């Protein structure tokens, strides 16, 4: 992949081989006539990624959600009876309240 700066922006020039390699890695089967369209899309995508990478985010605080909302949570109270023994009564093997299963990984 060759890249160069043009008018302050990032421009990428992908080769047909690079587009074919990317398509293979993405498990896409491209016909030769589809390569120019995909090349253009990939080049535009890389330009957008470069623009995002250049944004100064030093003063931006991390957040879990873009909206300032509070999630309403229900009270943490027990609503079900403990029926572990009844639930485990049909299990082939139980030891100390835990299901015993065959080893599947060496």
N, C-alpha and C. Protein backbone atom coordinates (compact mmCIF):
# COMPACT_ATOMS: atom_id res chain seq x y z
N UNK A 1 0.85 -1.17 0.00
CA UNK A 1 0.00 0.00 0.00
C UNK A 1 0.90 1.23 0.00
N UNK A 2 0.61 2.14 -0.89
CA UNK A 2 1.35 3.39 -0.95
C UNK A 2 0.46 4.48 -0.39
N UNK A 3 1.02 5.38 0.38
CA UNK A 3 0.22 6.50 0.88
C UNK A 3 1.02 7.78 0.74
N UNK A 4 0.31 8.86 0.58
CA UNK A 4 0.95 10.16 0.48
C UNK A 4 -0.04 11.22 0.94
N UNK A 5 0.51 12.38 1.36
CA UNK A 5 -0.33 13.48 1.81
C UNK A 5 -0.65 14.38 0.63
N UNK A 6 -1.89 14.77 0.55
CA UNK A 6 -2.28 15.67 -0.52
C UNK A 6 -3.22 16.73 0.05
N UNK A 7 -2.86 17.99 -0.08
CA UNK A 7 -3.66 19.10 0.43
C UNK A 7 -4.04 18.90 1.89
N UNK A 8 -3.10 18.41 2.71
CA UNK A 8 -3.35 18.26 4.13
C UNK A 8 -4.14 17.03 4.49
N UNK A 9 -4.61 16.29 3.50
CA UNK A 9 -5.40 15.10 3.79
C UNK A 9 -4.64 13.84 3.44
N UNK A 10 -5.16 12.74 3.88
CA UNK A 10 -4.54 11.44 3.68
C UNK A 10 -5.14 10.82 2.44
N UNK A 11 -4.31 10.39 1.52
CA UNK A 11 -4.78 9.72 0.32
C UNK A 11 -4.08 8.37 0.24
N UNK A 12 -4.82 7.35 -0.02
CA UNK A 12 -4.27 6.01 -0.11
C UNK A 12 -4.42 5.53 -1.54
N UNK A 13 -3.38 4.87 -2.02
CA UNK A 13 -3.45 4.27 -3.35
C UNK A 13 -3.22 2.77 -3.17
N UNK A 14 -4.29 2.00 -3.24
CA UNK A 14 -4.19 0.55 -3.10
C UNK A 14 -3.98 -0.09 -4.48
N UNK A 15 -3.21 -1.15 -4.50
CA UNK A 15 -3.02 -1.89 -5.74
C UNK A 15 -4.09 -2.98 -5.84
N UNK A 16 -4.24 -3.53 -7.06
CA UNK A 16 -5.20 -4.62 -7.24
C UNK A 16 -4.83 -5.82 -6.37
N UNK A 17 -3.55 -6.10 -6.25
CA UNK A 17 -3.11 -7.22 -5.41
C UNK A 17 -3.47 -7.00 -3.95
N UNK A 18 -3.32 -5.75 -3.46
CA UNK A 18 -3.66 -5.45 -2.07
C UNK A 18 -5.16 -5.61 -1.83
N UNK A 19 -5.97 -5.16 -2.79
CA UNK A 19 -7.42 -5.30 -2.66
C UNK A 19 -7.80 -6.78 -2.68
N UNK A 20 -7.16 -7.55 -3.53
CA UNK A 20 -7.42 -8.99 -3.59
C UNK A 20 -7.02 -9.68 -2.29
N UNK A 21 -5.90 -9.26 -1.72
CA UNK A 21 -5.45 -9.84 -0.45
C UNK A 21 -6.42 -9.50 0.67
N UNK A 22 -6.86 -8.25 0.73
CA UNK A 22 -7.83 -7.84 1.76
C UNK A 22 -9.12 -8.62 1.59
N UNK A 23 -9.57 -8.80 0.36
CA UNK A 23 -10.80 -9.55 0.10
C UNK A 23 -10.63 -11.01 0.54
N UNK A 24 -9.47 -11.58 0.26
CA UNK A 24 -9.22 -12.97 0.67
C UNK A 24 -9.24 -13.08 2.19
N UNK A 25 -8.58 -12.13 2.88
CA UNK A 25 -8.56 -12.15 4.34
C UNK A 25 -9.97 -12.00 4.92
N UNK A 26 -10.81 -11.24 4.23
CA UNK A 26 -12.20 -11.04 4.67
C UNK A 26 -13.11 -12.16 4.16
N UNK A 27 -12.51 -13.12 3.50
CA UNK A 27 -13.24 -14.26 2.92
C UNK A 27 -14.31 -13.81 1.95
N UNK A 28 -13.95 -12.82 1.11
CA UNK A 28 -14.83 -12.36 0.05
C UNK A 28 -14.27 -12.84 -1.28
N UNK A 29 -15.14 -13.25 -2.15
CA UNK A 29 -14.72 -13.66 -3.48
C UNK A 29 -15.06 -12.54 -4.44
N UNK A 30 -14.04 -11.88 -4.96
CA UNK A 30 -14.25 -10.75 -5.87
C UNK A 30 -13.92 -11.16 -7.30
N UNK A 31 -14.78 -10.76 -8.20
CA UNK A 31 -14.48 -10.91 -9.61
C UNK A 31 -13.53 -9.77 -10.00
N UNK A 32 -12.69 -9.98 -10.99
CA UNK A 32 -11.74 -8.91 -11.38
C UNK A 32 -12.41 -7.58 -11.67
N UNK A 33 -13.61 -7.59 -12.23
CA UNK A 33 -14.29 -6.32 -12.55
C UNK A 33 -14.82 -5.61 -11.31
N UNK A 34 -14.88 -6.30 -10.16
CA UNK A 34 -15.35 -5.69 -8.91
C UNK A 34 -14.23 -4.98 -8.15
N UNK A 35 -13.00 -5.27 -8.48
CA UNK A 35 -11.86 -4.73 -7.73
C UNK A 35 -11.82 -3.20 -7.73
N UNK A 36 -12.03 -2.52 -8.86
CA UNK A 36 -11.98 -1.04 -8.81
C UNK A 36 -13.00 -0.43 -7.85
N UNK A 37 -14.21 -0.97 -7.81
CA UNK A 37 -15.23 -0.44 -6.89
C UNK A 37 -14.81 -0.65 -5.44
N UNK A 38 -14.33 -1.86 -5.12
CA UNK A 38 -13.88 -2.13 -3.77
C UNK A 38 -12.66 -1.30 -3.41
N UNK A 39 -11.75 -1.08 -4.36
CA UNK A 39 -10.57 -0.25 -4.11
C UNK A 39 -11.00 1.14 -3.69
N UNK A 40 -11.93 1.73 -4.43
CA UNK A 40 -12.42 3.07 -4.09
C UNK A 40 -13.05 3.12 -2.71
N UNK A 41 -13.86 2.11 -2.39
CA UNK A 41 -14.50 2.07 -1.07
C UNK A 41 -13.47 1.95 0.04
N UNK A 42 -12.48 1.07 -0.15
CA UNK A 42 -11.45 0.89 0.87
C UNK A 42 -10.60 2.15 1.04
N UNK A 43 -10.28 2.79 -0.06
CA UNK A 43 -9.47 4.02 0.02
C UNK A 43 -10.22 5.11 0.77
N UNK A 44 -11.52 5.27 0.49
CA UNK A 44 -12.32 6.26 1.21
C UNK A 44 -12.41 5.91 2.69
N UNK A 45 -12.55 4.65 3.00
CA UNK A 45 -12.61 4.21 4.39
C UNK A 45 -11.31 4.52 5.12
N UNK A 46 -10.18 4.29 4.50
CA UNK A 46 -8.90 4.58 5.13
C UNK A 46 -8.70 6.08 5.34
N UNK A 47 -9.22 6.89 4.43
CA UNK A 47 -9.15 8.35 4.60
C UNK A 47 -9.96 8.76 5.83
N UNK A 48 -11.15 8.18 6.00
CA UNK A 48 -11.98 8.50 7.16
C UNK A 48 -11.29 8.07 8.44
N UNK A 49 -10.69 6.89 8.44
CA UNK A 49 -9.98 6.41 9.63
C UNK A 49 -8.84 7.36 9.97
N UNK A 50 -8.12 7.83 8.96
CA UNK A 50 -7.02 8.78 9.22
C UNK A 50 -7.55 10.08 9.80
N UNK A 51 -8.67 10.58 9.28
CA UNK A 51 -9.26 11.80 9.82
C UNK A 51 -9.63 11.62 11.29
N UNK A 52 -10.22 10.48 11.63
CA UNK A 52 -10.58 10.22 13.01
C UNK A 52 -9.35 10.12 13.90
N UNK A 53 -8.28 9.53 13.38
CA UNK A 53 -7.05 9.36 14.16
C UNK A 53 -6.40 10.70 14.48
N UNK A 54 -6.65 11.72 13.66
CA UNK A 54 -6.02 13.01 13.86
C UNK A 54 -6.79 13.92 14.82
N UNK A 55 -7.96 13.51 15.25
CA UNK A 55 -8.75 14.32 16.17
C UNK A 55 -8.13 14.26 17.56
N UNK A 56 -7.96 15.44 18.17
CA UNK A 56 -7.38 15.52 19.51
C UNK A 56 -8.46 15.17 20.53
N UNK A 57 -8.27 14.05 21.22
CA UNK A 57 -9.24 13.60 22.22
C UNK A 57 -8.66 13.63 23.62
N UNK A 58 -7.58 14.40 23.82
CA UNK A 58 -6.93 14.44 25.12
C UNK A 58 -7.87 14.93 26.23
N UNK A 59 -8.74 15.86 25.93
CA UNK A 59 -9.63 16.44 26.94
C UNK A 59 -10.99 15.77 27.00
N UNK A 60 -11.18 14.70 26.22
CA UNK A 60 -12.48 14.02 26.20
C UNK A 60 -12.46 12.90 27.23
N UNK A 61 -13.44 12.94 28.13
CA UNK A 61 -13.53 11.92 29.16
C UNK A 61 -14.17 10.66 28.59
N UNK A 62 -13.67 9.50 28.98
CA UNK A 62 -14.30 8.26 28.52
C UNK A 62 -15.71 8.15 29.07
N UNK A 63 -16.60 7.55 28.30
CA UNK A 63 -17.96 7.38 28.77
C UNK A 63 -18.48 6.02 28.34
N UNK A 64 -19.43 5.52 29.10
CA UNK A 64 -20.01 4.22 28.81
C UNK A 64 -21.16 4.33 27.83
N UNK A 65 -21.76 5.51 27.74
CA UNK A 65 -22.92 5.69 26.87
C UNK A 65 -22.95 7.14 26.40
N UNK A 66 -23.33 7.39 25.16
CA UNK A 66 -23.31 8.77 24.66
C UNK A 66 -24.43 9.66 25.22
N UNK A 67 -25.45 9.05 25.81
CA UNK A 67 -26.55 9.83 26.37
C UNK A 67 -26.44 9.87 27.89
N UNK A 68 -26.78 11.01 28.46
CA UNK A 68 -26.72 11.18 29.91
C UNK A 68 -28.00 10.63 30.53
N UNK A 69 -28.07 9.31 30.64
CA UNK A 69 -29.26 8.67 31.18
C UNK A 69 -28.88 7.82 32.38
N UNK A 70 -29.87 7.60 33.24
CA UNK A 70 -29.68 6.69 34.36
C UNK A 70 -30.56 5.49 34.13
N UNK A 71 -30.00 4.33 34.40
CA UNK A 71 -30.77 3.11 34.22
C UNK A 71 -31.53 2.79 35.51
N UNK A 72 -32.81 2.58 35.37
CA UNK A 72 -33.61 2.21 36.52
C UNK A 72 -33.40 0.74 36.80
N UNK A 73 -33.03 0.41 37.99
CA UNK A 73 -32.78 -0.97 38.38
C UNK A 73 -33.84 -1.42 39.36
N UNK A 74 -34.22 -2.65 39.27
CA UNK A 74 -35.19 -3.19 40.22
C UNK A 74 -34.47 -3.45 41.54
N UNK A 75 -35.20 -3.52 42.62
CA UNK A 75 -34.58 -3.84 43.92
C UNK A 75 -33.96 -5.24 43.87
N UNK A 76 -32.85 -5.41 44.51
CA UNK A 76 -32.16 -6.69 44.53
C UNK A 76 -32.71 -7.53 45.67
N UNK A 77 -33.81 -8.20 45.40
CA UNK A 77 -34.45 -9.04 46.41
C UNK A 77 -34.64 -10.44 45.84
N UNK A 78 -34.64 -11.43 46.72
CA UNK A 78 -34.84 -12.81 46.32
C UNK A 78 -36.31 -13.00 45.97
N UNK A 79 -36.58 -13.51 44.78
CA UNK A 79 -37.96 -13.73 44.36
C UNK A 79 -38.24 -15.20 44.08
N UNK A 80 -37.21 -16.05 44.08
CA UNK A 80 -37.37 -17.47 43.81
C UNK A 80 -36.92 -18.28 45.02
N UNK A 81 -37.50 -19.45 45.20
CA UNK A 81 -37.08 -20.35 46.27
C UNK A 81 -35.81 -21.08 45.83
N UNK A 82 -35.00 -21.50 46.80
CA UNK A 82 -33.81 -22.29 46.51
C UNK A 82 -34.24 -23.73 46.29
N UNK A 83 -34.20 -24.17 45.06
CA UNK A 83 -34.60 -25.53 44.73
C UNK A 83 -33.44 -26.29 44.08
N UNK A 84 -32.22 -26.00 44.54
CA UNK A 84 -31.05 -26.62 43.94
C UNK A 84 -31.11 -28.14 44.03
N UNK A 85 -31.46 -28.66 45.19
CA UNK A 85 -31.49 -30.12 45.35
C UNK A 85 -32.51 -30.75 44.40
N UNK A 86 -33.66 -30.13 44.26
CA UNK A 86 -34.68 -30.66 43.35
C UNK A 86 -34.20 -30.58 41.90
N UNK A 87 -33.55 -29.47 41.56
CA UNK A 87 -33.06 -29.30 40.19
C UNK A 87 -31.93 -30.28 39.88
N UNK A 88 -31.11 -30.60 40.87
CA UNK A 88 -29.98 -31.48 40.64
C UNK A 88 -30.34 -32.96 40.83
N UNK A 89 -31.55 -33.24 41.24
CA UNK A 89 -31.93 -34.64 41.51
C UNK A 89 -31.87 -35.50 40.24
N UNK A 90 -32.07 -34.93 39.09
CA UNK A 90 -32.03 -35.70 37.84
C UNK A 90 -30.66 -35.74 37.20
N UNK A 91 -29.68 -35.08 37.79
CA UNK A 91 -28.34 -35.04 37.20
C UNK A 91 -27.64 -36.38 37.41
N UNK A 92 -26.85 -36.83 36.44
CA UNK A 92 -26.15 -38.10 36.59
C UNK A 92 -25.16 -38.11 37.75
N UNK A 93 -24.50 -36.96 38.00
CA UNK A 93 -23.51 -36.92 39.07
C UNK A 93 -23.41 -35.51 39.64
N UNK A 94 -23.51 -35.41 40.96
CA UNK A 94 -23.40 -34.14 41.67
C UNK A 94 -22.49 -34.35 42.87
N UNK A 95 -21.54 -33.43 43.08
CA UNK A 95 -20.65 -33.49 44.24
C UNK A 95 -20.61 -32.11 44.87
N UNK A 96 -20.91 -32.03 46.16
CA UNK A 96 -20.92 -30.77 46.91
C UNK A 96 -21.77 -29.70 46.23
N UNK A 97 -22.90 -30.09 45.68
CA UNK A 97 -23.80 -29.13 45.06
C UNK A 97 -23.40 -28.69 43.67
N UNK A 98 -22.38 -29.33 43.07
CA UNK A 98 -21.90 -28.98 41.73
C UNK A 98 -22.12 -30.15 40.78
N UNK A 99 -22.49 -29.84 39.53
CA UNK A 99 -22.64 -30.86 38.53
C UNK A 99 -21.27 -31.40 38.14
N UNK A 100 -21.13 -32.73 38.06
CA UNK A 100 -19.88 -33.34 37.63
C UNK A 100 -20.07 -33.74 36.18
N UNK A 101 -19.14 -33.25 35.31
CA UNK A 101 -19.22 -33.53 33.88
C UNK A 101 -17.92 -34.19 33.44
N UNK A 102 -17.95 -34.93 32.34
CA UNK A 102 -16.73 -35.56 31.85
C UNK A 102 -15.72 -34.52 31.42
N UNK A 103 -14.44 -34.84 31.60
CA UNK A 103 -13.35 -33.95 31.17
C UNK A 103 -13.31 -33.95 29.64
N UNK A 104 -13.29 -32.75 29.05
CA UNK A 104 -13.27 -32.66 27.58
C UNK A 104 -12.00 -32.00 27.06
N UNK A 105 -11.18 -31.45 27.94
CA UNK A 105 -9.93 -30.79 27.54
C UNK A 105 -8.78 -31.45 28.27
N UNK A 106 -7.75 -31.82 27.53
CA UNK A 106 -6.56 -32.41 28.17
C UNK A 106 -5.63 -31.34 28.66
